[in-house]
N, C-alpha and C. Protein backbone atom coordinates (compact mmCIF):
# COMPACT_ATOMS: atom_id res chain seq x y z
N MET A 1 98.05 -86.42 -69.83
CA MET A 1 98.02 -86.02 -68.44
C MET A 1 99.44 -85.82 -67.91
N LEU A 2 100.38 -86.66 -68.35
CA LEU A 2 101.76 -86.54 -67.85
C LEU A 2 102.41 -85.25 -68.34
N TRP A 3 102.07 -84.81 -69.56
CA TRP A 3 102.67 -83.57 -70.03
C TRP A 3 102.19 -82.39 -69.20
N ARG A 4 100.97 -82.46 -68.66
CA ARG A 4 100.48 -81.40 -67.79
C ARG A 4 101.25 -81.38 -66.49
N ILE A 5 101.56 -82.56 -65.99
CA ILE A 5 102.33 -82.65 -64.75
C ILE A 5 103.73 -82.10 -64.98
N ALA A 6 104.33 -82.47 -66.10
CA ALA A 6 105.68 -81.99 -66.40
C ALA A 6 105.70 -80.48 -66.63
N GLU A 7 104.61 -79.95 -67.16
CA GLU A 7 104.55 -78.51 -67.45
C GLU A 7 104.62 -77.68 -66.20
N LEU A 8 103.99 -78.12 -65.13
CA LEU A 8 103.93 -77.34 -63.90
C LEU A 8 104.80 -77.87 -62.78
N ARG A 9 105.67 -78.79 -63.09
CA ARG A 9 106.48 -79.42 -62.05
C ARG A 9 107.36 -78.42 -61.32
N GLU A 10 107.79 -77.37 -62.00
CA GLU A 10 108.68 -76.40 -61.36
C GLU A 10 107.96 -75.63 -60.26
N GLY A 11 106.68 -75.36 -60.43
CA GLY A 11 105.96 -74.54 -59.47
C GLY A 11 105.43 -75.30 -58.28
N ILE A 12 105.26 -76.63 -58.37
CA ILE A 12 104.70 -77.43 -57.28
C ILE A 12 105.69 -78.54 -56.94
N ALA A 13 105.89 -78.79 -55.64
CA ALA A 13 106.89 -79.78 -55.21
C ALA A 13 106.48 -81.18 -55.65
N ALA A 14 107.44 -81.93 -56.15
CA ALA A 14 107.19 -83.31 -56.58
C ALA A 14 107.13 -84.23 -55.37
N PRO A 15 106.43 -85.39 -55.47
CA PRO A 15 106.38 -86.32 -54.34
C PRO A 15 107.77 -86.91 -54.07
N PRO A 16 108.07 -87.18 -52.82
CA PRO A 16 109.40 -87.71 -52.50
C PRO A 16 109.58 -89.12 -53.08
N SER A 17 110.78 -89.38 -53.55
CA SER A 17 111.09 -90.74 -54.05
C SER A 17 112.08 -91.39 -53.09
N ASP A 18 111.63 -92.45 -52.43
CA ASP A 18 112.44 -93.16 -51.46
C ASP A 18 112.59 -94.60 -51.94
N PRO A 19 113.81 -95.04 -52.25
CA PRO A 19 113.96 -96.41 -52.76
C PRO A 19 113.65 -97.48 -51.71
N TRP A 20 113.60 -97.14 -50.41
CA TRP A 20 113.37 -98.12 -49.35
C TRP A 20 111.94 -98.13 -48.86
N GLU A 21 111.02 -97.51 -49.62
CA GLU A 21 109.66 -97.43 -49.12
C GLU A 21 108.96 -98.80 -49.18
N THR A 22 108.06 -99.01 -48.25
CA THR A 22 107.31 -100.28 -48.17
C THR A 22 106.01 -100.14 -48.93
N GLU A 23 105.25 -101.23 -48.96
CA GLU A 23 103.96 -101.22 -49.66
C GLU A 23 103.01 -100.21 -49.04
N ALA A 24 103.03 -100.12 -47.71
CA ALA A 24 102.12 -99.19 -47.03
C ALA A 24 102.47 -97.74 -47.37
N THR A 25 103.76 -97.44 -47.35
CA THR A 25 104.13 -96.06 -47.67
C THR A 25 103.93 -95.78 -49.16
N ARG A 26 104.04 -96.80 -50.02
CA ARG A 26 103.81 -96.62 -51.44
C ARG A 26 102.36 -96.23 -51.70
N LEU A 27 101.41 -96.87 -51.00
CA LEU A 27 100.01 -96.51 -51.14
C LEU A 27 99.76 -95.08 -50.68
N ASN A 28 100.41 -94.73 -49.59
CA ASN A 28 100.29 -93.36 -49.09
C ASN A 28 100.84 -92.38 -50.13
N GLY A 29 101.94 -92.75 -50.80
CA GLY A 29 102.54 -91.90 -51.83
C GLY A 29 101.63 -91.75 -53.03
N ILE A 30 100.90 -92.81 -53.38
CA ILE A 30 99.98 -92.72 -54.51
C ILE A 30 98.85 -91.75 -54.19
N GLU A 31 98.38 -91.78 -52.96
CA GLU A 31 97.36 -90.82 -52.56
C GLU A 31 97.91 -89.40 -52.66
N PHE A 32 99.16 -89.24 -52.23
CA PHE A 32 99.79 -87.93 -52.32
C PHE A 32 99.92 -87.50 -53.78
N LEU A 33 100.29 -88.43 -54.64
CA LEU A 33 100.43 -88.13 -56.06
C LEU A 33 99.08 -87.71 -56.65
N GLY A 34 98.01 -88.38 -56.22
CA GLY A 34 96.67 -88.00 -56.68
C GLY A 34 96.32 -86.58 -56.28
N ASP A 35 96.67 -86.20 -55.06
CA ASP A 35 96.42 -84.83 -54.61
C ASP A 35 97.25 -83.84 -55.42
N TRP A 36 98.45 -84.26 -55.73
CA TRP A 36 99.36 -83.40 -56.50
C TRP A 36 98.80 -83.16 -57.90
N VAL A 37 98.26 -84.20 -58.52
CA VAL A 37 97.66 -84.07 -59.85
C VAL A 37 96.42 -83.18 -59.78
N LYS A 38 95.65 -83.28 -58.72
CA LYS A 38 94.48 -82.42 -58.56
C LYS A 38 94.90 -80.96 -58.44
N GLU A 39 95.99 -80.69 -57.72
CA GLU A 39 96.49 -79.32 -57.61
C GLU A 39 96.91 -78.79 -58.96
N ILE A 40 97.58 -79.63 -59.72
CA ILE A 40 98.04 -79.21 -61.05
C ILE A 40 96.85 -78.93 -61.96
N ASP A 41 95.84 -79.80 -61.94
CA ASP A 41 94.65 -79.57 -62.77
C ASP A 41 93.94 -78.28 -62.36
N ALA A 42 93.86 -78.02 -61.07
CA ALA A 42 93.22 -76.79 -60.61
C ALA A 42 94.01 -75.57 -61.08
N GLU A 43 95.33 -75.66 -61.01
CA GLU A 43 96.18 -74.55 -61.46
C GLU A 43 96.03 -74.32 -62.95
N LEU A 44 95.98 -75.40 -63.73
CA LEU A 44 95.80 -75.27 -65.18
C LEU A 44 94.45 -74.66 -65.53
N GLU A 45 93.41 -75.08 -64.85
CA GLU A 45 92.09 -74.50 -65.10
C GLU A 45 92.07 -73.01 -64.77
N LYS A 46 92.75 -72.64 -63.68
CA LYS A 46 92.82 -71.24 -63.30
C LYS A 46 93.55 -70.42 -64.36
N ARG A 47 94.66 -70.96 -64.89
CA ARG A 47 95.41 -70.26 -65.93
C ARG A 47 94.61 -70.14 -67.22
N GLU A 48 93.84 -71.19 -67.56
CA GLU A 48 93.01 -71.13 -68.76
C GLU A 48 91.91 -70.09 -68.61
N ARG A 49 91.30 -70.00 -67.42
CA ARG A 49 90.27 -69.00 -67.19
C ARG A 49 90.84 -67.59 -67.33
N ILE A 50 92.03 -67.38 -66.79
CA ILE A 50 92.66 -66.06 -66.87
C ILE A 50 93.01 -65.73 -68.31
N ALA A 51 93.55 -66.70 -69.05
CA ALA A 51 93.96 -66.46 -70.43
C ALA A 51 92.77 -66.20 -71.34
N ASN A 52 91.64 -66.84 -71.09
CA ASN A 52 90.47 -66.70 -71.96
C ASN A 52 89.50 -65.63 -71.50
N LYS A 53 89.82 -64.94 -70.42
CA LYS A 53 88.92 -63.92 -69.90
C LYS A 53 88.95 -62.70 -70.83
N PRO A 54 87.79 -62.20 -71.24
CA PRO A 54 87.79 -61.03 -72.12
C PRO A 54 88.32 -59.80 -71.39
N LYS A 55 89.06 -58.98 -72.11
CA LYS A 55 89.67 -57.79 -71.53
C LYS A 55 88.63 -56.68 -71.44
N ARG A 56 88.54 -56.04 -70.28
CA ARG A 56 87.64 -54.91 -70.11
C ARG A 56 88.40 -53.64 -70.40
N SER A 57 87.80 -52.78 -71.17
CA SER A 57 88.45 -51.52 -71.49
C SER A 57 87.85 -50.36 -70.71
N GLY A 58 87.09 -50.63 -69.69
CA GLY A 58 86.48 -49.59 -68.89
C GLY A 58 84.98 -49.63 -69.04
N LYS A 59 84.33 -48.64 -68.45
CA LYS A 59 82.87 -48.61 -68.47
C LYS A 59 82.33 -48.34 -69.87
N TYR A 60 82.99 -47.46 -70.61
CA TYR A 60 82.55 -47.10 -71.94
C TYR A 60 83.59 -47.56 -72.96
N PRO A 61 83.16 -48.00 -74.13
CA PRO A 61 84.14 -48.43 -75.13
C PRO A 61 84.93 -47.24 -75.66
N GLN A 62 86.23 -47.40 -75.82
CA GLN A 62 87.08 -46.32 -76.27
C GLN A 62 87.08 -46.24 -77.79
N VAL A 63 87.00 -45.03 -78.30
CA VAL A 63 86.99 -44.81 -79.73
C VAL A 63 88.44 -44.75 -80.19
N ASP A 64 88.74 -45.43 -81.30
CA ASP A 64 90.09 -45.38 -81.86
C ASP A 64 90.25 -44.07 -82.62
N ARG A 65 90.92 -43.12 -82.02
CA ARG A 65 91.05 -41.80 -82.62
C ARG A 65 91.90 -41.83 -83.88
N PHE A 66 92.88 -42.72 -83.93
CA PHE A 66 93.73 -42.81 -85.11
C PHE A 66 92.93 -43.27 -86.32
N ALA A 67 92.13 -44.32 -86.14
CA ALA A 67 91.31 -44.84 -87.25
C ALA A 67 90.26 -43.82 -87.66
N LYS A 68 89.69 -43.12 -86.69
CA LYS A 68 88.67 -42.12 -87.00
C LYS A 68 89.27 -41.00 -87.85
N LEU A 69 90.46 -40.52 -87.49
CA LEU A 69 91.08 -39.45 -88.24
C LEU A 69 91.48 -39.92 -89.64
N LYS A 70 92.00 -41.14 -89.74
CA LYS A 70 92.37 -41.66 -91.06
C LYS A 70 91.15 -41.78 -91.96
N GLY A 71 90.00 -42.07 -91.38
CA GLY A 71 88.78 -42.18 -92.16
C GLY A 71 88.25 -40.83 -92.63
N GLU A 72 88.51 -39.78 -91.86
CA GLU A 72 87.97 -38.46 -92.17
C GLU A 72 88.94 -37.59 -92.97
N VAL A 73 90.24 -37.73 -92.75
CA VAL A 73 91.22 -36.89 -93.44
C VAL A 73 92.11 -37.80 -94.29
N SER A 74 92.09 -37.59 -95.58
CA SER A 74 92.92 -38.42 -96.46
C SER A 74 94.33 -37.85 -96.53
N LEU A 75 95.25 -38.69 -96.86
CA LEU A 75 96.65 -38.28 -97.02
C LEU A 75 96.77 -37.30 -98.18
N GLU A 76 95.98 -37.49 -99.22
CA GLU A 76 95.97 -36.58 -100.38
C GLU A 76 95.55 -35.18 -99.95
N ARG A 77 94.50 -35.09 -99.17
CA ARG A 77 94.00 -33.80 -98.69
C ARG A 77 95.04 -33.10 -97.81
N PHE A 78 95.70 -33.86 -96.95
CA PHE A 78 96.74 -33.30 -96.07
C PHE A 78 97.92 -32.78 -96.89
N TYR A 79 98.37 -33.58 -97.86
CA TYR A 79 99.52 -33.20 -98.70
C TYR A 79 99.21 -31.93 -99.48
N GLU A 80 98.04 -31.87 -100.12
CA GLU A 80 97.70 -30.71 -100.93
C GLU A 80 97.48 -29.47 -100.08
N GLY A 81 97.08 -29.64 -98.83
CA GLY A 81 96.88 -28.49 -97.95
C GLY A 81 98.16 -27.95 -97.34
N LYS A 82 99.19 -28.78 -97.23
CA LYS A 82 100.40 -28.35 -96.54
C LYS A 82 101.59 -28.04 -97.46
N PHE A 83 101.58 -28.57 -98.68
CA PHE A 83 102.73 -28.40 -99.56
C PHE A 83 102.30 -27.74 -100.86
N PRO A 84 103.19 -26.95 -101.48
CA PRO A 84 102.81 -26.23 -102.70
C PRO A 84 102.95 -27.08 -103.97
N PHE A 85 103.04 -28.37 -103.84
CA PHE A 85 103.23 -29.23 -104.99
C PHE A 85 101.90 -29.78 -105.49
N ILE A 86 101.85 -30.12 -106.76
CA ILE A 86 100.64 -30.66 -107.36
C ILE A 86 100.77 -32.18 -107.43
N LEU A 87 99.69 -32.86 -107.07
CA LEU A 87 99.64 -34.32 -107.19
C LEU A 87 98.96 -34.67 -108.51
N ARG A 88 99.54 -35.62 -109.22
CA ARG A 88 98.94 -36.10 -110.48
C ARG A 88 98.66 -37.58 -110.35
N ARG A 89 97.50 -37.97 -110.89
CA ARG A 89 97.12 -39.39 -110.85
C ARG A 89 97.77 -40.12 -112.02
N ARG A 90 98.49 -41.18 -111.68
CA ARG A 90 99.05 -42.09 -112.68
C ARG A 90 98.56 -43.48 -112.33
N GLY A 91 97.62 -43.97 -113.10
CA GLY A 91 97.04 -45.26 -112.77
C GLY A 91 96.22 -45.14 -111.50
N HIS A 92 96.58 -45.93 -110.53
CA HIS A 92 95.83 -45.94 -109.27
C HIS A 92 96.42 -44.98 -108.24
N ASN A 93 97.70 -44.65 -108.37
CA ASN A 93 98.42 -43.87 -107.36
C ASN A 93 98.49 -42.40 -107.73
N LEU A 94 98.83 -41.59 -106.75
CA LEU A 94 99.05 -40.15 -106.94
C LEU A 94 100.55 -39.88 -106.83
N TRP A 95 101.07 -39.07 -107.74
CA TRP A 95 102.50 -38.78 -107.76
C TRP A 95 102.73 -37.28 -107.64
N GLY A 96 103.78 -36.92 -106.91
CA GLY A 96 104.14 -35.52 -106.76
C GLY A 96 105.58 -35.40 -106.33
N LEU A 97 106.02 -34.15 -106.12
CA LEU A 97 107.39 -33.92 -105.66
C LEU A 97 107.48 -34.21 -104.17
N CYS A 98 108.63 -34.71 -103.76
CA CYS A 98 108.83 -35.07 -102.36
C CYS A 98 108.88 -33.81 -101.49
N PRO A 99 108.15 -33.78 -100.39
CA PRO A 99 108.15 -32.59 -99.53
C PRO A 99 109.36 -32.51 -98.60
N PHE A 100 110.13 -33.58 -98.50
CA PHE A 100 111.28 -33.59 -97.59
C PHE A 100 112.45 -32.86 -98.23
N PRO A 101 113.19 -32.06 -97.46
CA PRO A 101 114.25 -31.22 -98.05
C PRO A 101 115.58 -31.95 -98.30
N ASP A 102 115.62 -33.26 -98.10
CA ASP A 102 116.89 -33.99 -98.24
C ASP A 102 117.40 -34.02 -99.67
N HIS A 103 116.51 -33.98 -100.62
CA HIS A 103 116.96 -34.05 -102.01
C HIS A 103 116.12 -33.11 -102.87
N ASN A 104 116.78 -32.49 -103.83
CA ASN A 104 116.08 -31.62 -104.78
C ASN A 104 115.76 -32.46 -106.00
N GLU A 105 114.53 -32.39 -106.43
CA GLU A 105 114.15 -33.21 -107.57
C GLU A 105 113.32 -32.38 -108.55
N GLU A 106 113.37 -32.81 -109.78
CA GLU A 106 112.59 -32.14 -110.81
C GLU A 106 111.48 -33.04 -111.33
N THR A 107 111.63 -34.35 -111.14
CA THR A 107 110.58 -35.28 -111.57
C THR A 107 109.95 -35.89 -110.32
N PRO A 108 108.64 -36.14 -110.37
CA PRO A 108 107.96 -36.67 -109.19
C PRO A 108 108.47 -38.06 -108.80
N SER A 109 108.81 -38.20 -107.51
CA SER A 109 109.22 -39.50 -106.99
C SER A 109 108.44 -39.86 -105.73
N PHE A 110 107.51 -39.01 -105.33
CA PHE A 110 106.73 -39.19 -104.12
C PHE A 110 105.39 -39.79 -104.51
N LYS A 111 105.13 -41.02 -104.06
CA LYS A 111 103.91 -41.74 -104.45
C LYS A 111 102.98 -41.87 -103.25
N ILE A 112 101.71 -41.58 -103.47
CA ILE A 112 100.68 -41.77 -102.44
C ILE A 112 99.72 -42.84 -102.92
N ASN A 113 99.52 -43.85 -102.09
CA ASN A 113 98.55 -44.90 -102.38
C ASN A 113 97.27 -44.55 -101.63
N PRO A 114 96.21 -44.14 -102.34
CA PRO A 114 94.99 -43.70 -101.64
C PRO A 114 94.27 -44.82 -100.89
N ASP A 115 94.37 -46.06 -101.36
CA ASP A 115 93.69 -47.16 -100.67
C ASP A 115 94.33 -47.47 -99.33
N LYS A 116 95.64 -47.54 -99.31
CA LYS A 116 96.37 -47.85 -98.07
C LYS A 116 96.61 -46.62 -97.21
N GLN A 117 96.36 -45.43 -97.76
CA GLN A 117 96.64 -44.17 -97.07
C GLN A 117 98.10 -44.13 -96.62
N SER A 118 99.00 -44.46 -97.56
CA SER A 118 100.43 -44.46 -97.25
C SER A 118 101.19 -43.77 -98.38
N TYR A 119 102.43 -43.38 -98.06
CA TYR A 119 103.28 -42.74 -99.07
C TYR A 119 104.63 -43.42 -99.11
N TYR A 120 105.34 -43.21 -100.23
CA TYR A 120 106.71 -43.70 -100.37
C TYR A 120 107.44 -42.77 -101.34
N CYS A 121 108.64 -42.38 -100.97
CA CYS A 121 109.46 -41.56 -101.86
C CYS A 121 110.59 -42.43 -102.40
N PHE A 122 110.67 -42.51 -103.71
CA PHE A 122 111.70 -43.32 -104.34
C PHE A 122 113.05 -42.61 -104.36
N GLY A 123 113.08 -41.32 -104.03
CA GLY A 123 114.34 -40.58 -104.00
C GLY A 123 115.04 -40.69 -102.65
N CYS A 124 114.31 -40.45 -101.57
CA CYS A 124 114.93 -40.49 -100.23
C CYS A 124 114.53 -41.74 -99.45
N HIS A 125 113.67 -42.56 -100.02
CA HIS A 125 113.23 -43.84 -99.44
C HIS A 125 112.50 -43.68 -98.11
N ARG A 126 111.83 -42.57 -97.94
CA ARG A 126 111.00 -42.40 -96.75
C ARG A 126 109.60 -42.91 -97.06
N HIS A 127 108.96 -43.44 -96.02
CA HIS A 127 107.62 -43.99 -96.21
C HIS A 127 106.85 -43.87 -94.90
N GLY A 128 105.54 -44.00 -94.99
CA GLY A 128 104.73 -43.94 -93.79
C GLY A 128 103.29 -43.63 -94.12
N ASP A 129 102.57 -43.15 -93.10
CA ASP A 129 101.17 -42.80 -93.29
C ASP A 129 101.00 -41.32 -92.94
N ILE A 130 99.77 -40.89 -92.77
CA ILE A 130 99.49 -39.48 -92.53
C ILE A 130 100.14 -39.00 -91.23
N PHE A 131 100.27 -39.87 -90.26
CA PHE A 131 100.84 -39.47 -88.97
C PHE A 131 102.35 -39.25 -89.07
N HIS A 132 103.04 -40.06 -89.87
CA HIS A 132 104.47 -39.86 -90.07
C HIS A 132 104.74 -38.56 -90.82
N LEU A 133 103.92 -38.27 -91.83
CA LEU A 133 104.10 -37.02 -92.56
C LEU A 133 103.76 -35.83 -91.67
N ALA A 134 102.75 -35.96 -90.84
CA ALA A 134 102.38 -34.89 -89.91
C ALA A 134 103.47 -34.67 -88.86
N MET A 135 104.15 -35.72 -88.45
CA MET A 135 105.25 -35.56 -87.50
C MET A 135 106.34 -34.68 -88.10
N TYR A 136 106.59 -34.84 -89.41
CA TYR A 136 107.58 -34.00 -90.07
C TYR A 136 107.08 -32.56 -90.20
N VAL A 137 105.83 -32.38 -90.62
CA VAL A 137 105.29 -31.04 -90.85
C VAL A 137 105.20 -30.24 -89.56
N TYR A 138 104.68 -30.85 -88.51
CA TYR A 138 104.46 -30.14 -87.25
C TYR A 138 105.68 -30.19 -86.32
N GLN A 139 106.72 -30.90 -86.73
CA GLN A 139 107.95 -31.01 -85.93
C GLN A 139 107.64 -31.54 -84.53
N VAL A 140 106.91 -32.66 -84.46
CA VAL A 140 106.62 -33.33 -83.20
C VAL A 140 107.27 -34.71 -83.23
N SER A 141 107.38 -35.34 -82.07
CA SER A 141 108.16 -36.58 -82.00
C SER A 141 107.33 -37.85 -81.88
N THR A 142 106.02 -37.74 -81.62
CA THR A 142 105.22 -38.96 -81.47
C THR A 142 103.99 -38.90 -82.36
N ASN A 143 103.44 -40.08 -82.65
CA ASN A 143 102.22 -40.16 -83.44
C ASN A 143 101.06 -39.49 -82.72
N TYR A 144 101.03 -39.60 -81.40
CA TYR A 144 99.93 -39.01 -80.63
C TYR A 144 99.93 -37.49 -80.75
N GLU A 145 101.11 -36.87 -80.69
CA GLU A 145 101.18 -35.42 -80.85
C GLU A 145 100.75 -35.01 -82.25
N ALA A 146 101.15 -35.81 -83.25
CA ALA A 146 100.73 -35.54 -84.62
C ALA A 146 99.21 -35.67 -84.75
N LEU A 147 98.64 -36.68 -84.09
CA LEU A 147 97.19 -36.86 -84.10
C LEU A 147 96.48 -35.63 -83.54
N CYS A 148 96.96 -35.12 -82.42
CA CYS A 148 96.34 -33.95 -81.80
C CYS A 148 96.43 -32.73 -82.73
N GLU A 149 97.56 -32.54 -83.38
CA GLU A 149 97.72 -31.41 -84.31
C GLU A 149 96.80 -31.56 -85.52
N LEU A 150 96.69 -32.77 -86.05
CA LEU A 150 95.79 -33.01 -87.19
C LEU A 150 94.34 -32.77 -86.81
N GLU A 151 93.96 -33.18 -85.61
CA GLU A 151 92.59 -32.95 -85.15
C GLU A 151 92.29 -31.45 -85.05
N LYS A 152 93.27 -30.69 -84.58
CA LYS A 152 93.08 -29.23 -84.50
C LYS A 152 92.95 -28.62 -85.89
N ASP A 153 93.84 -29.00 -86.80
CA ASP A 153 93.86 -28.40 -88.13
C ASP A 153 92.62 -28.73 -88.96
N PHE A 154 92.15 -29.96 -88.87
CA PHE A 154 91.05 -30.39 -89.73
C PHE A 154 89.71 -30.42 -89.02
N GLY A 155 89.65 -29.99 -87.78
CA GLY A 155 88.39 -29.88 -87.07
C GLY A 155 87.74 -31.20 -86.74
N VAL A 156 88.53 -32.22 -86.55
CA VAL A 156 87.99 -33.52 -86.16
C VAL A 156 87.81 -33.50 -84.65
N SER A 157 86.63 -33.95 -84.18
CA SER A 157 86.36 -33.91 -82.75
C SER A 157 87.28 -34.86 -82.01
N GLN A 158 87.66 -34.47 -80.81
CA GLN A 158 88.58 -35.25 -80.00
C GLN A 158 87.84 -36.08 -78.97
N VAL A 159 86.80 -36.80 -79.40
CA VAL A 159 86.00 -37.62 -78.50
C VAL A 159 86.82 -38.84 -78.09
N MET A 160 86.94 -39.06 -76.80
CA MET A 160 87.72 -40.20 -76.30
C MET A 160 86.84 -41.42 -76.09
N TYR A 161 85.57 -41.21 -75.71
CA TYR A 161 84.69 -42.32 -75.39
C TYR A 161 83.36 -42.13 -76.10
N SER A 162 82.67 -43.21 -76.38
CA SER A 162 81.32 -43.12 -76.91
C SER A 162 80.36 -43.45 -75.77
N PHE A 163 79.54 -42.48 -75.39
CA PHE A 163 78.65 -42.65 -74.26
C PHE A 163 77.29 -43.15 -74.74
N PRO A 164 76.60 -43.96 -73.93
CA PRO A 164 75.28 -44.43 -74.33
C PRO A 164 74.28 -43.28 -74.32
N GLU A 165 73.21 -43.44 -75.10
CA GLU A 165 72.16 -42.42 -75.17
C GLU A 165 71.42 -42.34 -73.83
N ARG A 166 70.99 -41.14 -73.48
CA ARG A 166 70.24 -40.94 -72.24
C ARG A 166 68.76 -40.90 -72.57
N SER A 167 67.95 -41.37 -71.66
CA SER A 167 66.49 -41.34 -71.86
C SER A 167 65.98 -39.93 -71.64
N ALA A 168 64.70 -39.67 -72.00
CA ALA A 168 64.10 -38.34 -71.88
C ALA A 168 64.03 -37.91 -70.42
N ALA A 169 63.79 -38.85 -69.50
CA ALA A 169 63.68 -38.50 -68.08
C ALA A 169 65.02 -38.04 -67.53
N THR A 170 66.09 -38.67 -67.91
CA THR A 170 67.41 -38.28 -67.40
C THR A 170 67.95 -37.05 -68.10
N GLN A 171 67.47 -36.76 -69.32
CA GLN A 171 67.93 -35.55 -70.00
C GLN A 171 67.36 -34.30 -69.34
N SER A 172 66.12 -34.38 -68.85
CA SER A 172 65.51 -33.22 -68.23
C SER A 172 66.12 -32.94 -66.85
N ASN A 173 66.52 -33.99 -66.12
CA ASN A 173 67.11 -33.82 -64.80
C ASN A 173 68.49 -34.49 -64.81
N PRO A 174 69.55 -33.72 -64.79
CA PRO A 174 70.89 -34.32 -64.87
C PRO A 174 71.28 -35.13 -63.65
N TYR A 175 70.51 -35.04 -62.55
CA TYR A 175 70.85 -35.76 -61.35
C TYR A 175 70.26 -37.17 -61.33
N LEU A 176 69.33 -37.45 -62.26
CA LEU A 176 68.76 -38.78 -62.35
C LEU A 176 69.67 -39.68 -63.16
N ILE A 177 69.79 -40.90 -62.75
CA ILE A 177 70.62 -41.87 -63.45
C ILE A 177 69.72 -42.95 -64.01
N ASN A 178 69.92 -43.28 -65.27
CA ASN A 178 69.13 -44.32 -65.92
C ASN A 178 69.73 -45.67 -65.57
N VAL A 179 69.06 -46.44 -64.71
CA VAL A 179 69.55 -47.73 -64.28
C VAL A 179 68.70 -48.82 -64.94
N THR A 180 69.15 -49.29 -66.10
CA THR A 180 68.41 -50.34 -66.79
C THR A 180 69.28 -51.53 -67.05
């Protein structure tokens, strides 16, 4: 209990300490201290409620467009569609020539891990996922811009929200609202 009092002491005024107080004023001070502890407990409960409150993301749940695109378009498919290099499977990974113009190479140093959907070049030490490679290809500066370009190129729908199904009565009349 004392650690709770010490935790919030800065935000709530402490009871006055008077070395000359009498027994009567001491009892009054204890009552004041009890009220002070009740205030602190109320404040702590309020903070716990706020901290544990589930976050609302709006009326409809938002679809993660990045995860959706990564699930539909593989890094291998993007690489083979945008660069004239051939990918060869060695073990579990795919190897090819690096698409970045920083270094000229004759042996493959560009590795794609299909499980992680990531790449790494052992020549120029660049690494990332499909969005980082798309940022280079489309000459854009953010992952979001790369996402939009990838959605256009590969025909992935740009759905922002998943809406609940409508009943037959509300489908026939768009002005009716299904209140269930």
